[in-house]
Structures are given as structure tokens and as C-alpha cells.
N, C-alpha and C. Protein backbone atom coordinates (compact mmCIF):
# COMPACT_ATOMS: atom_id res chain seq x y z
N UNK A 1 2.01 -16.90 -35.17
CA UNK A 1 0.57 -16.83 -35.01
C UNK A 1 -0.11 -17.58 -36.09
N UNK A 2 -1.11 -18.38 -35.78
CA UNK A 2 -1.85 -19.14 -36.82
C UNK A 2 -2.63 -18.21 -37.70
N UNK A 3 -2.86 -18.63 -38.89
CA UNK A 3 -3.60 -17.90 -39.88
C UNK A 3 -4.94 -17.48 -39.34
N UNK A 4 -5.25 -16.25 -39.37
CA UNK A 4 -6.57 -15.73 -38.98
C UNK A 4 -6.68 -15.40 -37.47
N UNK A 5 -5.70 -15.85 -36.68
CA UNK A 5 -5.83 -15.59 -35.21
C UNK A 5 -4.98 -14.36 -34.90
N UNK A 6 -5.63 -13.41 -34.24
CA UNK A 6 -4.93 -12.17 -33.88
C UNK A 6 -5.02 -11.89 -32.36
N UNK A 7 -4.00 -11.19 -31.91
CA UNK A 7 -3.96 -10.70 -30.51
C UNK A 7 -3.52 -9.25 -30.62
N UNK A 8 -4.26 -8.34 -30.06
CA UNK A 8 -3.83 -6.99 -30.08
C UNK A 8 -4.18 -6.35 -28.70
N UNK A 9 -3.28 -5.37 -28.31
CA UNK A 9 -3.49 -4.73 -27.05
C UNK A 9 -3.43 -3.24 -27.24
N UNK A 10 -4.06 -2.52 -26.34
CA UNK A 10 -4.09 -1.10 -26.35
C UNK A 10 -4.35 -0.57 -24.98
N UNK A 11 -3.61 0.50 -24.63
CA UNK A 11 -3.86 1.19 -23.27
C UNK A 11 -5.20 1.84 -23.36
N UNK A 12 -5.82 2.00 -22.20
CA UNK A 12 -7.14 2.62 -22.11
C UNK A 12 -7.14 3.48 -20.77
N UNK A 13 -8.06 4.47 -20.73
CA UNK A 13 -8.29 5.12 -19.49
C UNK A 13 -9.76 4.89 -19.07
N UNK A 14 -10.36 3.79 -19.50
CA UNK A 14 -11.66 3.35 -19.05
C UNK A 14 -11.52 3.05 -17.52
N UNK A 15 -12.61 3.33 -16.77
CA UNK A 15 -12.58 2.95 -15.36
C UNK A 15 -13.05 1.55 -15.20
N UNK A 16 -12.20 0.75 -14.52
CA UNK A 16 -12.56 -0.66 -14.35
C UNK A 16 -12.59 -0.97 -12.83
N UNK A 17 -13.67 -1.60 -12.38
CA UNK A 17 -13.71 -1.99 -10.98
C UNK A 17 -14.08 -3.47 -10.90
N UNK A 18 -13.43 -4.17 -10.02
CA UNK A 18 -13.62 -5.56 -9.80
C UNK A 18 -14.02 -5.82 -8.44
N UNK A 19 -15.15 -6.50 -8.19
CA UNK A 19 -15.60 -6.80 -6.82
C UNK A 19 -15.94 -8.29 -6.85
N UNK A 20 -15.80 -8.89 -5.64
CA UNK A 20 -16.11 -10.26 -5.32
C UNK A 20 -16.91 -10.26 -4.04
N UNK A 21 -18.10 -10.77 -4.11
CA UNK A 21 -19.03 -10.81 -2.97
C UNK A 21 -19.08 -9.48 -2.26
N UNK A 22 -19.23 -8.43 -3.08
CA UNK A 22 -19.40 -7.12 -2.62
C UNK A 22 -18.14 -6.40 -2.13
N UNK A 23 -16.95 -7.09 -2.17
CA UNK A 23 -15.74 -6.43 -1.76
C UNK A 23 -14.91 -6.04 -3.04
N UNK A 24 -14.53 -4.77 -3.10
CA UNK A 24 -13.79 -4.27 -4.24
C UNK A 24 -12.37 -4.78 -4.09
N UNK A 25 -11.90 -5.52 -5.06
CA UNK A 25 -10.56 -6.09 -4.97
C UNK A 25 -9.61 -5.35 -5.98
N UNK A 26 -10.12 -4.58 -6.88
CA UNK A 26 -9.31 -3.86 -7.89
C UNK A 26 -10.10 -2.70 -8.41
N UNK A 27 -9.40 -1.60 -8.64
CA UNK A 27 -9.97 -0.43 -9.39
C UNK A 27 -8.83 0.22 -10.14
N UNK A 28 -9.16 0.55 -11.40
CA UNK A 28 -8.10 1.09 -12.27
C UNK A 28 -8.72 2.01 -13.33
N UNK A 29 -7.90 3.05 -13.63
CA UNK A 29 -8.25 3.97 -14.71
C UNK A 29 -7.16 3.91 -15.76
N UNK A 30 -6.44 2.71 -15.75
CA UNK A 30 -5.32 2.52 -16.71
C UNK A 30 -5.15 1.12 -17.16
N UNK A 31 -6.26 0.48 -17.48
CA UNK A 31 -6.17 -0.92 -17.94
C UNK A 31 -5.54 -1.05 -19.33
N UNK A 32 -5.02 -2.24 -19.63
CA UNK A 32 -4.64 -2.53 -20.97
C UNK A 32 -5.75 -3.47 -21.52
N UNK A 33 -6.34 -3.15 -22.62
CA UNK A 33 -7.32 -3.96 -23.22
C UNK A 33 -6.67 -4.95 -24.24
N UNK A 34 -7.09 -6.18 -24.11
CA UNK A 34 -6.53 -7.23 -24.99
C UNK A 34 -7.72 -7.78 -25.84
N UNK A 35 -7.57 -7.72 -27.13
CA UNK A 35 -8.54 -8.29 -27.98
C UNK A 35 -7.88 -9.47 -28.71
N UNK A 36 -8.58 -10.64 -28.63
CA UNK A 36 -8.06 -11.84 -29.23
C UNK A 36 -9.16 -12.55 -30.02
N UNK A 37 -8.84 -13.08 -31.17
CA UNK A 37 -9.86 -13.76 -31.98
C UNK A 37 -10.69 -14.78 -31.11
N UNK A 38 -11.96 -14.62 -31.19
CA UNK A 38 -12.89 -15.58 -30.57
C UNK A 38 -13.07 -15.40 -29.02
N UNK A 39 -12.43 -14.35 -28.50
CA UNK A 39 -12.57 -14.15 -27.04
C UNK A 39 -12.99 -12.66 -26.82
N UNK A 40 -13.91 -12.43 -25.84
CA UNK A 40 -14.28 -11.04 -25.54
C UNK A 40 -13.12 -10.21 -25.07
N UNK A 41 -13.18 -8.88 -25.18
CA UNK A 41 -12.11 -8.05 -24.75
C UNK A 41 -11.82 -8.39 -23.26
N UNK A 42 -10.50 -8.51 -22.98
CA UNK A 42 -10.06 -8.75 -21.59
C UNK A 42 -9.43 -7.42 -21.07
N UNK A 43 -9.64 -7.19 -19.80
CA UNK A 43 -9.14 -6.00 -19.10
C UNK A 43 -7.96 -6.43 -18.20
N UNK A 44 -6.74 -6.05 -18.62
CA UNK A 44 -5.59 -6.35 -17.83
C UNK A 44 -5.26 -5.12 -16.95
N UNK A 45 -5.13 -5.31 -15.63
CA UNK A 45 -5.00 -4.24 -14.75
C UNK A 45 -3.56 -4.16 -14.13
N UNK A 46 -2.99 -3.03 -14.01
CA UNK A 46 -1.65 -2.92 -13.36
C UNK A 46 -1.79 -3.52 -11.95
N UNK A 47 -0.72 -4.18 -11.57
CA UNK A 47 -0.65 -4.80 -10.22
C UNK A 47 -0.85 -3.77 -9.09
N UNK A 48 -0.40 -2.55 -9.28
CA UNK A 48 -0.58 -1.48 -8.27
C UNK A 48 -2.09 -1.15 -8.05
N UNK A 49 -2.89 -1.48 -9.03
CA UNK A 49 -4.34 -1.15 -8.92
C UNK A 49 -5.19 -2.33 -8.33
N UNK A 50 -4.50 -3.42 -7.95
CA UNK A 50 -5.12 -4.63 -7.40
C UNK A 50 -4.73 -4.73 -5.89
N UNK A 51 -5.65 -5.12 -5.11
CA UNK A 51 -5.36 -5.27 -3.70
C UNK A 51 -4.64 -6.65 -3.49
N UNK A 52 -3.34 -6.62 -3.82
CA UNK A 52 -2.53 -7.85 -3.85
C UNK A 52 -2.41 -8.54 -2.50
N UNK A 53 -2.70 -7.79 -1.37
CA UNK A 53 -2.63 -8.38 -0.10
C UNK A 53 -3.71 -9.43 0.13
N UNK A 54 -4.75 -9.39 -0.73
CA UNK A 54 -5.82 -10.39 -0.70
C UNK A 54 -5.56 -11.66 -1.54
N UNK A 55 -4.48 -11.66 -2.32
CA UNK A 55 -4.26 -12.73 -3.25
C UNK A 55 -3.01 -13.54 -2.91
N UNK A 56 -3.12 -14.86 -3.15
CA UNK A 56 -2.06 -15.83 -2.93
C UNK A 56 -1.70 -16.51 -4.23
N UNK A 57 -0.36 -16.59 -4.57
CA UNK A 57 -0.02 -17.28 -5.79
C UNK A 57 -0.38 -18.74 -5.75
N UNK A 58 -0.65 -19.33 -6.85
CA UNK A 58 -0.90 -20.79 -6.93
C UNK A 58 0.23 -21.42 -7.67
N UNK A 59 0.22 -22.79 -7.74
CA UNK A 59 1.22 -23.44 -8.56
C UNK A 59 0.75 -23.74 -9.94
N UNK A 60 -0.54 -23.38 -10.19
CA UNK A 60 -1.15 -23.66 -11.43
C UNK A 60 -0.59 -22.76 -12.55
N UNK A 61 -0.28 -23.30 -13.72
CA UNK A 61 0.21 -22.55 -14.84
C UNK A 61 -0.49 -23.08 -16.16
N UNK A 62 -0.66 -22.20 -17.08
CA UNK A 62 -1.16 -22.60 -18.41
C UNK A 62 -0.20 -21.98 -19.49
N UNK A 63 -0.34 -22.50 -20.70
CA UNK A 63 0.41 -21.92 -21.84
C UNK A 63 -0.57 -21.59 -22.95
N UNK A 64 -0.43 -20.35 -23.42
CA UNK A 64 -1.20 -19.94 -24.63
C UNK A 64 -0.20 -19.77 -25.74
N UNK A 65 -0.43 -20.34 -26.90
CA UNK A 65 0.53 -20.26 -28.00
C UNK A 65 0.64 -18.77 -28.49
N UNK A 66 -0.29 -17.94 -28.16
CA UNK A 66 -0.31 -16.55 -28.67
C UNK A 66 0.18 -15.56 -27.60
N UNK A 67 0.07 -15.89 -26.38
CA UNK A 67 0.44 -14.94 -25.26
C UNK A 67 1.59 -15.47 -24.39
N UNK A 68 1.77 -16.71 -24.22
CA UNK A 68 2.84 -17.25 -23.44
C UNK A 68 2.35 -18.04 -22.20
N UNK A 69 3.13 -18.06 -21.13
CA UNK A 69 2.85 -18.77 -19.96
C UNK A 69 2.14 -17.87 -18.91
N UNK A 70 1.03 -18.38 -18.39
CA UNK A 70 0.24 -17.67 -17.41
C UNK A 70 0.40 -18.20 -16.04
N UNK A 71 0.49 -17.31 -15.04
CA UNK A 71 0.49 -17.69 -13.59
C UNK A 71 -0.89 -17.26 -13.03
N UNK A 72 -1.25 -17.97 -11.98
CA UNK A 72 -2.53 -17.71 -11.33
C UNK A 72 -2.49 -17.38 -9.90
N UNK A 73 -3.46 -16.65 -9.40
CA UNK A 73 -3.56 -16.34 -8.00
C UNK A 73 -5.01 -16.70 -7.48
N UNK A 74 -5.03 -17.01 -6.25
CA UNK A 74 -6.36 -17.25 -5.54
C UNK A 74 -6.63 -16.12 -4.66
N UNK A 75 -7.93 -15.83 -4.40
CA UNK A 75 -8.35 -14.76 -3.52
C UNK A 75 -8.65 -15.30 -2.14
N UNK A 76 -8.05 -14.67 -1.16
CA UNK A 76 -8.38 -15.03 0.30
C UNK A 76 -9.26 -13.90 0.84
N UNK A 77 -10.55 -14.19 0.88
CA UNK A 77 -11.52 -13.23 1.22
C UNK A 77 -12.04 -13.59 2.63
N UNK A 78 -11.46 -12.99 3.66
CA UNK A 78 -11.79 -13.26 5.06
C UNK A 78 -11.75 -14.77 5.33
N UNK A 79 -10.67 -15.46 4.91
CA UNK A 79 -10.52 -16.85 5.17
C UNK A 79 -11.18 -17.80 4.10
N UNK A 80 -12.07 -17.27 3.25
CA UNK A 80 -12.65 -18.05 2.23
C UNK A 80 -11.76 -17.96 0.97
N UNK A 81 -11.23 -19.08 0.54
CA UNK A 81 -10.28 -19.11 -0.58
C UNK A 81 -11.13 -19.29 -1.87
N UNK A 82 -10.97 -18.43 -2.82
CA UNK A 82 -11.56 -18.58 -4.18
C UNK A 82 -10.43 -18.78 -5.10
N UNK A 83 -10.34 -20.00 -5.55
CA UNK A 83 -9.10 -20.52 -6.28
C UNK A 83 -8.98 -19.96 -7.69
N UNK A 84 -7.76 -19.58 -8.04
CA UNK A 84 -7.42 -19.27 -9.41
C UNK A 84 -8.35 -18.29 -10.10
N UNK A 85 -8.65 -17.20 -9.46
CA UNK A 85 -9.59 -16.17 -9.97
C UNK A 85 -8.99 -15.16 -10.84
N UNK A 86 -7.69 -15.06 -10.84
CA UNK A 86 -6.99 -14.04 -11.64
C UNK A 86 -5.71 -14.59 -12.20
N UNK A 87 -5.24 -14.13 -13.43
CA UNK A 87 -4.05 -14.65 -14.00
C UNK A 87 -3.21 -13.42 -14.54
N UNK A 88 -1.94 -13.78 -14.83
CA UNK A 88 -1.04 -12.83 -15.36
C UNK A 88 0.02 -13.52 -16.23
N UNK A 89 0.46 -12.76 -17.28
CA UNK A 89 1.56 -13.21 -18.03
C UNK A 89 2.76 -12.34 -17.65
N UNK A 90 3.65 -12.95 -16.97
CA UNK A 90 4.85 -12.21 -16.42
C UNK A 90 5.84 -11.87 -17.54
N UNK A 91 5.98 -12.75 -18.46
CA UNK A 91 6.86 -12.58 -19.63
C UNK A 91 6.15 -13.01 -20.84
N UNK A 92 5.15 -12.24 -21.35
CA UNK A 92 4.39 -12.70 -22.52
C UNK A 92 5.22 -12.76 -23.80
N UNK A 93 4.70 -13.40 -24.79
CA UNK A 93 5.35 -13.50 -26.04
C UNK A 93 5.27 -12.14 -26.75
N UNK A 94 6.15 -11.99 -27.73
CA UNK A 94 6.11 -10.68 -28.49
C UNK A 94 4.67 -10.45 -29.10
N UNK A 95 4.23 -9.27 -29.08
CA UNK A 95 2.96 -8.91 -29.57
C UNK A 95 1.93 -8.79 -28.49
N UNK A 96 2.29 -9.22 -27.23
CA UNK A 96 1.44 -9.07 -26.09
C UNK A 96 2.17 -8.41 -24.95
N UNK A 97 3.27 -7.78 -25.26
CA UNK A 97 4.13 -7.17 -24.25
C UNK A 97 3.49 -6.15 -23.32
N UNK A 98 2.44 -5.45 -23.76
CA UNK A 98 1.84 -4.45 -22.94
C UNK A 98 1.11 -5.08 -21.72
N UNK A 99 0.85 -6.38 -21.67
CA UNK A 99 0.16 -7.01 -20.56
C UNK A 99 1.16 -7.52 -19.50
N UNK A 100 2.44 -7.34 -19.73
CA UNK A 100 3.48 -7.84 -18.80
C UNK A 100 3.14 -7.47 -17.42
N UNK A 101 3.01 -8.42 -16.51
CA UNK A 101 2.81 -8.20 -15.10
C UNK A 101 1.42 -7.71 -14.73
N UNK A 102 0.57 -7.45 -15.67
CA UNK A 102 -0.81 -7.00 -15.39
C UNK A 102 -1.65 -8.22 -15.07
N UNK A 103 -2.75 -7.99 -14.37
CA UNK A 103 -3.63 -9.03 -13.90
C UNK A 103 -4.95 -8.99 -14.68
N UNK A 104 -5.55 -10.11 -14.91
CA UNK A 104 -6.78 -10.20 -15.62
C UNK A 104 -7.70 -11.17 -14.82
N UNK A 105 -8.91 -10.75 -14.58
CA UNK A 105 -9.86 -11.52 -13.72
C UNK A 105 -10.85 -12.26 -14.66
N UNK A 106 -11.17 -13.49 -14.23
CA UNK A 106 -12.18 -14.20 -14.95
C UNK A 106 -13.47 -13.47 -14.82
N UNK A 107 -14.09 -12.95 -15.94
CA UNK A 107 -15.28 -12.09 -15.82
C UNK A 107 -16.48 -12.80 -15.32
N UNK A 108 -16.54 -14.12 -15.46
CA UNK A 108 -17.73 -14.84 -14.97
C UNK A 108 -17.56 -15.24 -13.46
N UNK A 109 -16.47 -14.84 -12.86
CA UNK A 109 -16.26 -15.22 -11.44
C UNK A 109 -16.19 -14.03 -10.51
N UNK A 110 -16.31 -12.80 -11.14
CA UNK A 110 -16.22 -11.52 -10.41
C UNK A 110 -17.38 -10.61 -10.95
N UNK A 111 -17.56 -9.53 -10.21
CA UNK A 111 -18.43 -8.45 -10.71
C UNK A 111 -17.49 -7.46 -11.34
N UNK A 112 -17.42 -7.43 -12.70
CA UNK A 112 -16.64 -6.57 -13.43
C UNK A 112 -17.36 -5.40 -13.97
N UNK A 113 -17.00 -4.19 -13.61
CA UNK A 113 -17.71 -2.99 -14.08
C UNK A 113 -16.76 -2.13 -14.84
N UNK A 114 -17.13 -1.75 -16.07
CA UNK A 114 -16.34 -0.98 -16.93
C UNK A 114 -17.09 0.31 -17.31
N UNK A 115 -16.59 1.46 -16.98
CA UNK A 115 -17.16 2.75 -17.35
C UNK A 115 -16.19 3.35 -18.39
N UNK A 116 -16.65 3.40 -19.69
CA UNK A 116 -15.85 3.95 -20.73
C UNK A 116 -15.43 5.41 -20.44
N UNK A 117 -14.21 5.73 -20.82
CA UNK A 117 -13.81 7.13 -20.69
C UNK A 117 -14.49 7.94 -21.69
N UNK A 118 -14.59 9.29 -21.37
CA UNK A 118 -15.20 10.20 -22.29
C UNK A 118 -14.14 10.72 -23.26
N UNK A 119 -14.33 10.60 -24.55
CA UNK A 119 -13.31 11.14 -25.46
C UNK A 119 -13.16 12.66 -25.28
N UNK A 120 -11.94 13.20 -25.48
CA UNK A 120 -11.69 14.58 -25.21
C UNK A 120 -12.60 15.48 -26.01
N UNK A 121 -13.02 15.01 -27.17
CA UNK A 121 -13.94 15.86 -28.01
C UNK A 121 -15.29 15.92 -27.44
N UNK A 122 -15.69 15.04 -26.50
CA UNK A 122 -16.97 15.14 -25.85
C UNK A 122 -16.92 15.76 -24.48
N UNK A 123 -15.76 15.99 -23.91
CA UNK A 123 -15.66 16.41 -22.56
C UNK A 123 -16.01 17.91 -22.47
């Protein structure tokens, strides 16, 4: 990792909902939060919490020197294809292992709603 650049992950029980054009495509109470230098917190959702029947894998790939190789999916919403809207690190580099196989949506291409969990001391 380059000097000063950090990547950290942590499990959460925040409630995350992802919608596209009013259609809920994912909902989770078990995201993995990823914090990386210079990037807002990303919410990685377990595949079981995503409506995978609506997504099609693409051939597009990218490489991050801090997380590894990312794969992308497009959303098929009633025949309208929204290309490359979500990505996943199937075999991330050490230090990002908690996001293995989880999916992360581009926050500017979806309606992402996060409701923080209530700490046990406040419940």
C-alpha cells in the first residue's frame, strides 16, 4: 500500500436499500463498510441481499492496486439495460477480504438509502 493510502473494512448492521427508477434492487442489514483514502464510505452488500435475477455480468474489468480486480454487472430493468451499475471483488487483495463476493453500487447511479443501526446502549 502506498504511503498514506489506507483501506479498511468493517461489518455493519446499518439498513441499506438500493433502488433504481423506483424499483428496489437490494436491501441489506449486513453490509460491509469500506473506507478508503479519498473516497466516501462504500457499502458492500452480500449477494444474497441483491436481486441477482435482475443483473447480467459484463466483460468489463478494472484493477485497483489496493483492492484487486473488480468485475461488473449491468441491470436489466424490464428490458432497459443500465450498464455497469454494480461491481464486486471476487478475490480481493489482503486487507480487503471482508468484501469478497459482496456487491457495491455506484452511489450516483442509484438511490442509496442508509439507516444507521441503533447502538445497543440507545435501544
